[in-house]
Amino acid sequence: MPTTLLLESLPLEVLHCVLSSLTASELVRVRSTSVRLRDLATANIHWRRCLLSDVVPVFAALSDVAAIPPRTWSFSLSHDGWFRAYRELQRVAQEPWLKRDEDLIGGPWMVYFKHHLEDRDLVGVEDPHALIEFTAERLAVWVSGIPLHNRRWWLQEDEEGVVKMRVTAYPPNEPGREPISLCRSLEHSTVLMVSDAPEFLDALVTLNDEILDEAARTGQITPTELATRQNAMLEAKQLVPSDYESRHQRLRLSLGLGREVLDDDDEPEDEVGSK
């Protein structure tokens, strides 16, 4: 009678070899099979690989995360730190990103007109039809592409508590995520807009700080090492430009659109609020 070989009965080095070939979703499933496999499938060595090789390079919304040198992260100080980082990315991807005005202001928004878009999957593949910016003065301002009217914008909460964006003379824009890139999206019946998603990097930096604090409280690292690691992360994040043009060019490159040179002499045809 054939003998059934249980996965967890394999030698430890063989198990880690098997786990090293699994994707993130497969590792999650393995974690649910037994206590021993849960511990092994939570090891930092596997989740560090998953994040840096299989997750971050795949989604354009994580381009600023990819810009942080891997050695800067302190997730390995916790036995499940890299797994927690994966879970944090999942949480951010699933939560509504639009909550306040600041979530819109200053980012590059690529505008696609649906009647000019043959296939929704071409978003982030085709060049956008226009580029706009939402300013602190509550204006949606044309930057380049098909000339558009500059219009007033505001946030509005519906009966279910969902925050939506309104622009004068247009229906509410539903916030969401572009599924292929995980970039932020705003959409109504005729328009789809896509932008970058700095909230992913912000969430990982916050988690990194939490893990550093945990390590300092337990004596795992000294106060000097804590300060050194915190400064290294601060410096690395500062090297990721956050101005409008840098965010725009990084978004284009991460989507595979190449660089775009904006002509400073181009001016919109319409004045603010004109029709």
C-alpha atoms as a PDB file:
ATOM      1  CA  MET A   1       0.000   0.000   0.000  1.00  0.00           C
ATOM      2  CA  PRO A   2       1.519   3.391  -0.988  1.00  0.00           C
ATOM      3  CA  THR A   3       2.595   5.654   1.803  1.00  0.00           C
ATOM      4  CA  THR A   4       1.349   9.265   1.822  1.00  0.00           C
ATOM      5  CA  LEU A   5       4.146  11.764   2.374  1.00  0.00           C
ATOM      6  CA  LEU A   6       2.993  14.823   4.287  1.00  0.00           C
ATOM      7  CA  LEU A   7       4.592  18.100   3.268  1.00  0.00           C
ATOM      8  CA  GLU A   8       5.423  19.036   6.847  1.00  0.00           C
ATOM      9  CA  SER A   9       7.242  15.723   7.375  1.00  0.00           C
ATOM     10  CA  LEU A  10       9.954  16.800   4.927  1.00  0.00           C
ATOM     11  CA  PRO A  11      13.326  17.998   6.274  1.00  0.00           C
ATOM     12  CA  LEU A  12      13.437  21.683   7.138  1.00  0.00           C
ATOM     13  CA  GLU A  13      15.860  22.585   4.360  1.00  0.00           C
ATOM     14  CA  VAL A  14      13.672  20.809   1.797  1.00  0.00           C
ATOM     15  CA  LEU A  15      10.575  22.615   3.057  1.00  0.00           C
ATOM     16  CA  HIS A  16      12.233  26.001   2.705  1.00  0.00           C
ATOM     17  CA  CYS A  17      13.357  25.035  -0.795  1.00  0.00           C
ATOM     18  CA  VAL A  18       9.740  24.239  -1.695  1.00  0.00           C
ATOM     19  CA  LEU A  19       8.423  27.422  -0.115  1.00  0.00           C
ATOM     20  CA  SER A  20      11.015  29.511  -1.938  1.00  0.00           C
ATOM     21  CA  SER A  21       9.284  28.752  -5.250  1.00  0.00           C
ATOM     22  CA  LEU A  22       5.785  29.766  -4.134  1.00  0.00           C
ATOM     23  CA  THR A  23       3.962  32.994  -4.932  1.00  0.00           C
ATOM     24  CA  ALA A  24       2.523  35.252  -2.245  1.00  0.00           C
ATOM     25  CA  SER A  25      -0.999  33.864  -2.642  1.00  0.00           C
ATOM     26  CA  GLU A  26       0.337  30.306  -2.448  1.00  0.00           C
ATOM     27  CA  LEU A  27       2.304  31.085   0.706  1.00  0.00           C
ATOM     28  CA  VAL A  28      -0.851  32.505   2.285  1.00  0.00           C
ATOM     29  CA  ARG A  29      -2.679  29.244   1.583  1.00  0.00           C
ATOM     30  CA  VAL A  30       0.190  27.165   3.004  1.00  0.00           C
ATOM     31  CA  ARG A  31       0.089  29.232   6.203  1.00  0.00           C
ATOM     32  CA  SER A  32      -3.476  28.038   6.830  1.00  0.00           C
ATOM     33  CA  THR A  33      -2.680  24.300   6.706  1.00  0.00           C
ATOM     34  CA  SER A  34      -0.913  23.704  10.039  1.00  0.00           C
ATOM     35  CA  VAL A  35       0.889  25.463  12.880  1.00  0.00           C
ATOM     36  CA  ARG A  36       4.316  24.309  11.712  1.00  0.00           C
ATOM     37  CA  LEU A  37       3.775  25.304   8.104  1.00  0.00           C
ATOM     38  CA  ARG A  38       2.282  28.619   9.183  1.00  0.00           C
ATOM     39  CA  ASP A  39       5.516  29.474  11.003  1.00  0.00           C
ATOM     40  CA  LEU A  40       7.714  28.319   8.126  1.00  0.00           C
ATOM     41  CA  ALA A  41       5.606  30.067   5.486  1.00  0.00           C
ATOM     42  CA  THR A  42       5.799  33.321   7.463  1.00  0.00           C
ATOM     43  CA  ALA A  43       9.597  33.425   7.405  1.00  0.00           C
ATOM     44  CA  ASN A  44      11.081  36.729   6.313  1.00  0.00           C
ATOM     45  CA  ILE A  45      13.245  35.074   3.670  1.00  0.00           C
ATOM     46  CA  HIS A  46      10.170  34.074   1.662  1.00  0.00           C
ATOM     47  CA  TRP A  47       8.140  37.261   2.075  1.00  0.00           C
ATOM     48  CA  ARG A  48      11.094  39.528   1.367  1.00  0.00           C
ATOM     49  CA  ARG A  49      11.478  37.710  -1.950  1.00  0.00           C
ATOM     50  CA  CYS A  50       7.746  37.919  -2.673  1.00  0.00           C
ATOM     51  CA  LEU A  51       7.544  41.642  -2.029  1.00  0.00           C
ATOM     52  CA  LEU A  52      10.745  42.767  -3.719  1.00  0.00           C
ATOM     53  CA  SER A  53      10.647  40.378  -6.681  1.00  0.00           C
ATOM     54  CA  ASP A  54       7.027  39.324  -7.239  1.00  0.00           C
ATOM     55  CA  VAL A  55       4.827  42.169  -5.956  1.00  0.00           C
ATOM     56  CA  VAL A  56       6.521  45.581  -6.011  1.00  0.00           C
ATOM     57  CA  PRO A  57       7.862  45.358  -9.612  1.00  0.00           C
ATOM     58  CA  VAL A  58       4.474  44.225 -10.958  1.00  0.00           C
ATOM     59  CA  PHE A  59       2.263  47.152  -9.922  1.00  0.00           C
ATOM     60  CA  ALA A  60       2.936  50.661 -11.235  1.00  0.00           C
ATOM     61  CA  ALA A  61       1.399  52.148  -8.077  1.00  0.00           C
ATOM     62  CA  LEU A  62       4.387  50.791  -6.121  1.00  0.00           C
ATOM     63  CA  SER A  63       7.044  52.563  -8.195  1.00  0.00           C
ATOM     64  CA  ASP A  64       8.031  54.834  -5.310  1.00  0.00           C
ATOM     65  CA  VAL A  65       8.300  51.768  -3.020  1.00  0.00           C
ATOM     66  CA  ALA A  66      10.651  50.226  -5.587  1.00  0.00           C
ATOM     67  CA  ALA A  67      12.817  53.359  -5.373  1.00  0.00           C
ATOM     68  CA  ILE A  68      13.660  52.669  -1.712  1.00  0.00           C
ATOM     69  CA  PRO A  69      16.854  50.557  -1.421  1.00  0.00           C
ATOM     70  CA  PRO A  70      15.884  47.143   0.042  1.00  0.00           C
ATOM     71  CA  ARG A  71      18.552  47.369   2.753  1.00  0.00           C
ATOM     72  CA  THR A  72      16.781  50.460   4.149  1.00  0.00           C
ATOM     73  CA  TRP A  73      13.750  48.480   5.332  1.00  0.00           C
ATOM     74  CA  SER A  74      13.900  47.118   8.899  1.00  0.00           C
ATOM     75  CA  PHE A  75      11.129  44.524   8.521  1.00  0.00           C
ATOM     76  CA  SER A  76      13.569  41.671   9.224  1.00  0.00           C
ATOM     77  CA  LEU A  77      13.832  42.823  12.850  1.00  0.00           C
ATOM     78  CA  SER A  78      10.434  41.178  13.403  1.00  0.00           C
ATOM     79  CA  HIS A  79      10.034  37.445  12.754  1.00  0.00           C
ATOM     80  CA  ASP A  80       7.006  38.205  10.539  1.00  0.00           C
ATOM     81  CA  GLY A  81       7.986  41.709   9.452  1.00  0.00           C
ATOM     82  CA  TRP A  82       7.986  41.142   5.684  1.00  0.00           C
ATOM     83  CA  PHE A  83       4.692  39.275   5.899  1.00  0.00           C
ATOM     84  CA  ARG A  84       3.244  42.222   7.816  1.00  0.00           C
ATOM     85  CA  ALA A  85       4.476  44.489   5.019  1.00  0.00           C
ATOM     86  CA  TYR A  86       2.610  42.343   2.497  1.00  0.00           C
ATOM     87  CA  ARG A  87      -0.543  42.519   4.587  1.00  0.00           C
ATOM     88  CA  GLU A  88      -0.154  46.276   4.858  1.00  0.00           C
ATOM     89  CA  LEU A  89      -0.046  46.611   1.079  1.00  0.00           C
ATOM     90  CA  GLN A  90      -3.172  44.447   0.868  1.00  0.00           C
ATOM     91  CA  ARG A  91      -4.948  46.632   3.426  1.00  0.00           C
ATOM     92  CA  VAL A  92      -4.115  49.849   1.591  1.00  0.00           C
ATOM     93  CA  ALA A  93      -5.205  48.383  -1.745  1.00  0.00           C
ATOM     94  CA  GLN A  94      -8.596  47.406  -0.322  1.00  0.00           C
ATOM     95  CA  GLU A  95      -9.377  50.561   1.661  1.00  0.00           C
ATOM     96  CA  PRO A  96     -10.854  53.718   0.086  1.00  0.00           C
ATOM     97  CA  TRP A  97      -8.039  56.115  -0.704  1.00  0.00           C
ATOM     98  CA  LEU A  98     -10.175  59.267  -1.029  1.00  0.00           C
ATOM     99  CA  LYS A  99     -11.001  60.699   2.411  1.00  0.00           C
ATOM    100  CA  ARG A 100      -9.965  64.355   2.376  1.00  0.00           C
ATOM    101  CA  ASP A 101      -8.935  67.171   0.033  1.00  0.00           C
ATOM    102  CA  GLU A 102      -5.228  66.448   0.528  1.00  0.00           C
ATOM    103  CA  ASP A 103      -5.663  63.052  -1.112  1.00  0.00           C
ATOM    104  CA  LEU A 104      -6.321  64.794  -4.433  1.00  0.00           C
ATOM    105  CA  ILE A 105      -4.139  67.886  -4.284  1.00  0.00           C
ATOM    106  CA  GLY A 106      -0.801  67.971  -6.092  1.00  0.00           C
ATOM    107  CA  GLY A 107      -0.885  64.649  -7.915  1.00  0.00           C
ATOM    108  CA  PRO A 108      -0.720  64.060 -11.685  1.00  0.00           C
ATOM    109  CA  TRP A 109      -4.064  62.888 -13.088  1.00  0.00           C
ATOM    110  CA  MET A 110      -4.145  61.201 -16.486  1.00  0.00           C
ATOM    111  CA  VAL A 111      -7.518  61.714 -18.182  1.00  0.00           C
ATOM    112  CA  TYR A 112      -9.049  59.166 -20.558  1.00  0.00           C
ATOM    113  CA  PHE A 113     -12.293  59.867 -22.411  1.00  0.00           C
ATOM    114  CA  LYS A 114     -14.152  56.592 -22.641  1.00  0.00           C
ATOM    115  CA  HIS A 115     -15.566  57.221 -26.117  1.00  0.00           C
ATOM    116  CA  HIS A 116     -11.962  57.539 -27.376  1.00  0.00           C
ATOM    117  CA  LEU A 117     -10.795  54.450 -25.503  1.00  0.00           C
ATOM    118  CA  GLU A 118     -11.308  51.238 -27.467  1.00  0.00           C
ATOM    119  CA  ASP A 119     -10.525  48.995 -24.507  1.00  0.00           C
ATOM    120  CA  ARG A 120     -10.398  49.855 -20.798  1.00  0.00           C
ATOM    121  CA  ASP A 121      -7.312  47.633 -20.512  1.00  0.00           C
ATOM    122  CA  LEU A 122      -5.473  50.227 -22.617  1.00  0.00           C
ATOM    123  CA  VAL A 123      -5.475  52.613 -19.619  1.00  0.00           C
ATOM    124  CA  GLY A 124      -1.842  53.013 -18.664  1.00  0.00           C
ATOM    125  CA  VAL A 125      -0.826  51.542 -22.032  1.00  0.00           C
ATOM    126  CA  GLU A 126      -2.097  54.303 -24.296  1.00  0.00           C
ATOM    127  CA  ASP A 127      -1.004  57.873 -23.726  1.00  0.00           C
ATOM    128  CA  PRO A 128      -3.692  59.775 -21.791  1.00  0.00           C
ATOM    129  CA  HIS A 129      -5.930  62.148 -23.671  1.00  0.00           C
ATOM    130  CA  ALA A 130      -5.166  64.947 -21.196  1.00  0.00           C
ATOM    131  CA  LEU A 131      -3.292  65.665 -17.975  1.00  0.00           C
ATOM    132  CA  ILE A 132      -4.760  67.712 -15.118  1.00  0.00           C
ATOM    133  CA  GLU A 133      -3.951  68.718 -11.548  1.00  0.00           C
ATOM    134  CA  PHE A 134      -6.260  69.312  -8.587  1.00  0.00           C
ATOM    135  CA  THR A 135      -5.024  72.398  -6.740  1.00  0.00           C
ATOM    136  CA  ALA A 136      -5.416  73.595  -3.154  1.00  0.00           C
ATOM    137  CA  GLU A 137      -7.608  76.396  -4.551  1.00  0.00           C
ATOM    138  CA  ARG A 138     -10.114  73.672  -5.486  1.00  0.00           C
ATOM    139  CA  LEU A 139      -9.517  73.983  -9.200  1.00  0.00           C
ATOM    140  CA  ALA A 140      -9.120  71.108 -11.649  1.00  0.00           C
ATOM    141  CA  VAL A 141      -6.421  72.679 -13.834  1.00  0.00           C
ATOM    142  CA  TRP A 142      -5.531  71.584 -17.367  1.00  0.00           C
ATOM    143  CA  VAL A 143      -1.816  70.787 -17.820  1.00  0.00           C
ATOM    144  CA  SER A 144      -1.438  69.188 -21.253  1.00  0.00           C
ATOM    145  CA  GLY A 145      -3.180  67.143 -23.957  1.00  0.00           C
ATOM    146  CA  ILE A 146      -6.674  67.878 -25.245  1.00  0.00           C
ATOM    147  CA  PRO A 147      -7.500  71.411 -23.978  1.00  0.00           C
ATOM    148  CA  LEU A 148     -10.003  71.350 -21.105  1.00  0.00           C
ATOM    149  CA  HIS A 149     -11.875  73.945 -19.079  1.00  0.00           C
ATOM    150  CA  ASN A 150     -10.455  74.646 -15.624  1.00  0.00           C
ATOM    151  CA  ARG A 151     -13.303  73.882 -13.223  1.00  0.00           C
ATOM    152  CA  ARG A 152     -14.117  73.916  -9.529  1.00  0.00           C
ATOM    153  CA  TRP A 153     -13.949  70.637  -7.629  1.00  0.00           C
ATOM    154  CA  TRP A 154     -15.122  69.497  -4.197  1.00  0.00           C
ATOM    155  CA  LEU A 155     -15.665  66.325  -2.187  1.00  0.00           C
ATOM    156  CA  GLN A 156     -19.133  64.999  -1.419  1.00  0.00           C
ATOM    157  CA  GLU A 157     -20.191  62.133   0.838  1.00  0.00           C
ATOM    158  CA  ASP A 158     -23.110  60.013  -0.366  1.00  0.00           C
ATOM    159  CA  GLU A 159     -25.817  58.381   1.759  1.00  0.00           C
ATOM    160  CA  GLU A 160     -23.635  55.313   2.322  1.00  0.00           C
ATOM    161  CA  GLY A 161     -20.723  57.397   3.579  1.00  0.00           C
ATOM    162  CA  VAL A 162     -18.634  57.010   0.411  1.00  0.00           C
ATOM    163  CA  VAL A 163     -16.598  60.107  -0.427  1.00  0.00           C
ATOM    164  CA  LYS A 164     -16.787  61.099  -4.095  1.00  0.00           C
ATOM    165  CA  MET A 165     -15.263  63.907  -6.102  1.00  0.00           C
ATOM    166  CA  ARG A 166     -17.440  66.435  -7.919  1.00  0.00           C
ATOM    167  CA  VAL A 167     -16.459  68.807 -10.716  1.00  0.00           C
ATOM    168  CA  THR A 168     -18.739  71.603 -11.859  1.00  0.00           C
ATOM    169  CA  ALA A 169     -21.196  70.426 -14.551  1.00  0.00           C
ATOM    170  CA  TYR A 170     -20.180  66.750 -14.270  1.00  0.00           C
ATOM    171  CA  PRO A 171     -21.638  63.755 -12.392  1.00  0.00           C
ATOM    172  CA  PRO A 172     -19.885  62.429  -9.254  1.00  0.00           C
ATOM    173  CA  ASN A 173     -16.546  60.712  -9.811  1.00  0.00           C
ATOM    174  CA  GLU A 174     -16.314  57.306  -8.125  1.00  0.00           C
ATOM    175  CA  PRO A 175     -12.933  56.700  -6.454  1.00  0.00           C
ATOM    176  CA  GLY A 176     -11.340  53.314  -6.944  1.00  0.00           C
ATOM    177  CA  ARG A 177      -8.208  51.576  -8.177  1.00  0.00           C
ATOM    178  CA  GLU A 178      -7.108  50.716 -11.681  1.00  0.00           C
ATOM    179  CA  PRO A 179      -6.919  46.907 -11.320  1.00  0.00           C
ATOM    180  CA  ILE A 180      -3.790  46.228 -13.364  1.00  0.00           C
ATOM    181  CA  SER A 181      -1.586  48.913 -11.817  1.00  0.00           C
ATOM    182  CA  LEU A 182      -3.340  49.545  -8.441  1.00  0.00           C
ATOM    183  CA  CYS A 183      -3.099  53.258  -9.247  1.00  0.00           C
ATOM    184  CA  ARG A 184      -5.780  55.594  -7.918  1.00  0.00           C
ATOM    185  CA  SER A 185      -8.723  56.108 -10.224  1.00  0.00           C
ATOM    186  CA  LEU A 186     -11.681  58.472 -10.511  1.00  0.00           C
ATOM    187  CA  GLU A 187     -14.492  57.570 -12.868  1.00  0.00           C
ATOM    188  CA  HIS A 188     -17.908  58.636 -14.106  1.00  0.00           C
ATOM    189  CA  SER A 189     -19.962  57.748 -17.150  1.00  0.00           C
ATOM    190  CA  THR A 190     -17.703  59.370 -19.761  1.00  0.00           C
ATOM    191  CA  VAL A 191     -14.304  59.862 -18.107  1.00  0.00           C
ATOM    192  CA  LEU A 192     -11.702  57.706 -16.362  1.00  0.00           C
ATOM    193  CA  MET A 193      -8.784  59.354 -14.546  1.00  0.00           C
ATOM    194  CA  VAL A 194      -5.670  57.621 -13.191  1.00  0.00           C
ATOM    195  CA  SER A 195      -2.998  58.874 -10.798  1.00  0.00           C
ATOM    196  CA  ASP A 196      -0.147  57.567  -8.659  1.00  0.00           C
ATOM    197  CA  ALA A 197      -0.671  56.162  -5.152  1.00  0.00           C
ATOM    198  CA  PRO A 198       1.766  57.522  -2.528  1.00  0.00           C
ATOM    199  CA  GLU A 199      -0.287  55.942   0.267  1.00  0.00           C
ATOM    200  CA  PHE A 200       1.438  52.573  -0.276  1.00  0.00           C
ATOM    201  CA  LEU A 201       4.889  53.959   0.499  1.00  0.00           C
ATOM    202  CA  ASP A 202       3.527  56.016   3.412  1.00  0.00           C
ATOM    203  CA  ALA A 203       1.949  52.900   4.949  1.00  0.00           C
ATOM    204  CA  LEU A 204       5.150  50.857   4.650  1.00  0.00           C
ATOM    205  CA  VAL A 205       7.245  53.640   6.177  1.00  0.00           C
ATOM    206  CA  THR A 206       4.813  53.817   9.106  1.00  0.00           C
ATOM    207  CA  LEU A 207       5.053  50.041   9.588  1.00  0.00           C
ATOM    208  CA  ASN A 208       8.838  50.261   9.376  1.00  0.00           C
ATOM    209  CA  ASP A 209       8.792  52.823  12.216  1.00  0.00           C
ATOM    210  CA  GLU A 210       6.523  50.567  14.293  1.00  0.00           C
ATOM    211  CA  ILE A 211       8.869  47.595  13.889  1.00  0.00           C
ATOM    212  CA  LEU A 212      11.857  49.760  14.806  1.00  0.00           C
ATOM    213  CA  ASP A 213      10.075  50.939  17.961  1.00  0.00           C
ATOM    214  CA  GLU A 214       9.229  47.335  18.869  1.00  0.00           C
ATOM    215  CA  ALA A 215      12.872  46.308  18.413  1.00  0.00           C
ATOM    216  CA  ALA A 216      14.082  49.227  20.535  1.00  0.00           C
ATOM    217  CA  ARG A 217      11.631  48.475  23.365  1.00  0.00           C
ATOM    218  CA  THR A 218      12.742  44.838  23.549  1.00  0.00           C
ATOM    219  CA  GLY A 219      16.436  45.738  23.468  1.00  0.00           C
ATOM    220  CA  GLN A 220      16.950  44.124  20.076  1.00  0.00           C
ATOM    221  CA  ILE A 221      18.615  47.299  18.823  1.00  0.00           C
ATOM    222  CA  THR A 222      20.329  50.130  20.682  1.00  0.00           C
ATOM    223  CA  PRO A 223      19.083  53.725  20.702  1.00  0.00           C
ATOM    224  CA  THR A 224      21.988  54.614  18.420  1.00  0.00           C
ATOM    225  CA  GLU A 225      21.047  51.921  15.911  1.00  0.00           C
ATOM    226  CA  LEU A 226      17.409  53.033  16.112  1.00  0.00           C
ATOM    227  CA  ALA A 227      18.367  56.596  15.194  1.00  0.00           C
ATOM    228  CA  THR A 228      20.669  55.378  12.406  1.00  0.00           C
ATOM    229  CA  ARG A 229      17.945  53.229  10.836  1.00  0.00           C
ATOM    230  CA  GLN A 230      15.329  55.974  11.165  1.00  0.00           C
ATOM    231  CA  ASN A 231      17.630  58.503   9.501  1.00  0.00           C
ATOM    232  CA  ALA A 232      18.440  56.075   6.694  1.00  0.00           C
ATOM    233  CA  MET A 233      14.744  55.657   5.916  1.00  0.00           C
ATOM    234  CA  LEU A 234      14.125  59.402   6.102  1.00  0.00           C
ATOM    235  CA  GLU A 235      16.991  60.072   3.689  1.00  0.00           C
ATOM    236  CA  ALA A 236      15.857  57.328   1.305  1.00  0.00           C
ATOM    237  CA  LYS A 237      12.313  58.689   1.196  1.00  0.00           C
ATOM    238  CA  GLN A 238      13.568  62.232   0.624  1.00  0.00           C
ATOM    239  CA  LEU A 239      15.435  60.975  -2.448  1.00  0.00           C
ATOM    240  CA  VAL A 240      12.095  59.996  -4.008  1.00  0.00           C
ATOM    241  CA  PRO A 241      10.931  63.341  -5.518  1.00  0.00           C
ATOM    242  CA  SER A 242       7.374  64.292  -4.576  1.00  0.00           C
ATOM    243  CA  ASP A 243       6.860  67.365  -6.778  1.00  0.00           C
ATOM    244  CA  TYR A 244       4.207  67.243  -9.498  1.00  0.00           C
ATOM    245  CA  GLU A 245       6.502  66.802 -12.493  1.00  0.00           C
ATOM    246  CA  SER A 246       8.600  64.078 -10.827  1.00  0.00           C
ATOM    247  CA  ARG A 247       5.479  62.165  -9.813  1.00  0.00           C
ATOM    248  CA  HIS A 248       4.111  62.506 -13.340  1.00  0.00           C
ATOM    249  CA  GLN A 249       7.276  61.252 -15.024  1.00  0.00           C
ATOM    250  CA  ARG A 250       7.637  58.379 -12.517  1.00  0.00           C
ATOM    251  CA  LEU A 251       4.019  57.388 -13.159  1.00  0.00           C
ATOM    252  CA  ARG A 252       4.551  57.401 -16.923  1.00  0.00           C
ATOM    253  CA  LEU A 253       7.733  55.354 -16.692  1.00  0.00           C
ATOM    254  CA  SER A 254       6.215  52.822 -14.299  1.00  0.00           C
ATOM    255  CA  LEU A 255       3.267  52.383 -16.689  1.00  0.00           C
ATOM    256  CA  GLY A 256       5.671  51.908 -19.586  1.00  0.00           C
ATOM    257  CA  LEU A 257       4.651  55.122 -21.359  1.00  0.00           C
ATOM    258  CA  GLY A 258       8.141  56.631 -21.469  1.00  0.00           C
ATOM    259  CA  ARG A 259       9.056  60.161 -20.561  1.00  0.00           C
ATOM    260  CA  GLU A 260       6.951  63.127 -21.655  1.00  0.00           C
ATOM    261  CA  VAL A 261       8.366  66.588 -22.179  1.00  0.00           C
ATOM    262  CA  LEU A 262       5.808  69.274 -21.370  1.00  0.00           C
ATOM    263  CA  ASP A 263       5.901  72.440 -23.438  1.00  0.00           C
ATOM    264  CA  ASP A 264       5.787  75.423 -21.075  1.00  0.00           C
ATOM    265  CA  ASP A 265       4.449  77.538 -23.940  1.00  0.00           C
ATOM    266  CA  ASP A 266       1.247  75.489 -24.188  1.00  0.00           C
ATOM    267  CA  GLU A 267      -1.714  77.261 -22.663  1.00  0.00           C
ATOM    268  CA  PRO A 268      -5.299  76.033 -22.191  1.00  0.00           C
ATOM    269  CA  GLU A 269      -7.827  77.517 -24.565  1.00  0.00           C
ATOM    270  CA  ASP A 270     -10.359  78.260 -21.818  1.00  0.00           C
ATOM    271  CA  GLU A 271     -10.268  80.402 -18.729  1.00  0.00           C
ATOM    272  CA  VAL A 272     -11.217  79.214 -15.275  1.00  0.00           C
ATOM    273  CA  GLY A 273     -14.921  78.427 -15.128  1.00  0.00           C
ATOM    274  CA  SER A 274     -15.503  79.186 -18.806  1.00  0.00           C
ATOM    275  CA  LYS A 275     -17.766  77.066 -21.013  1.00  0.00           C
END
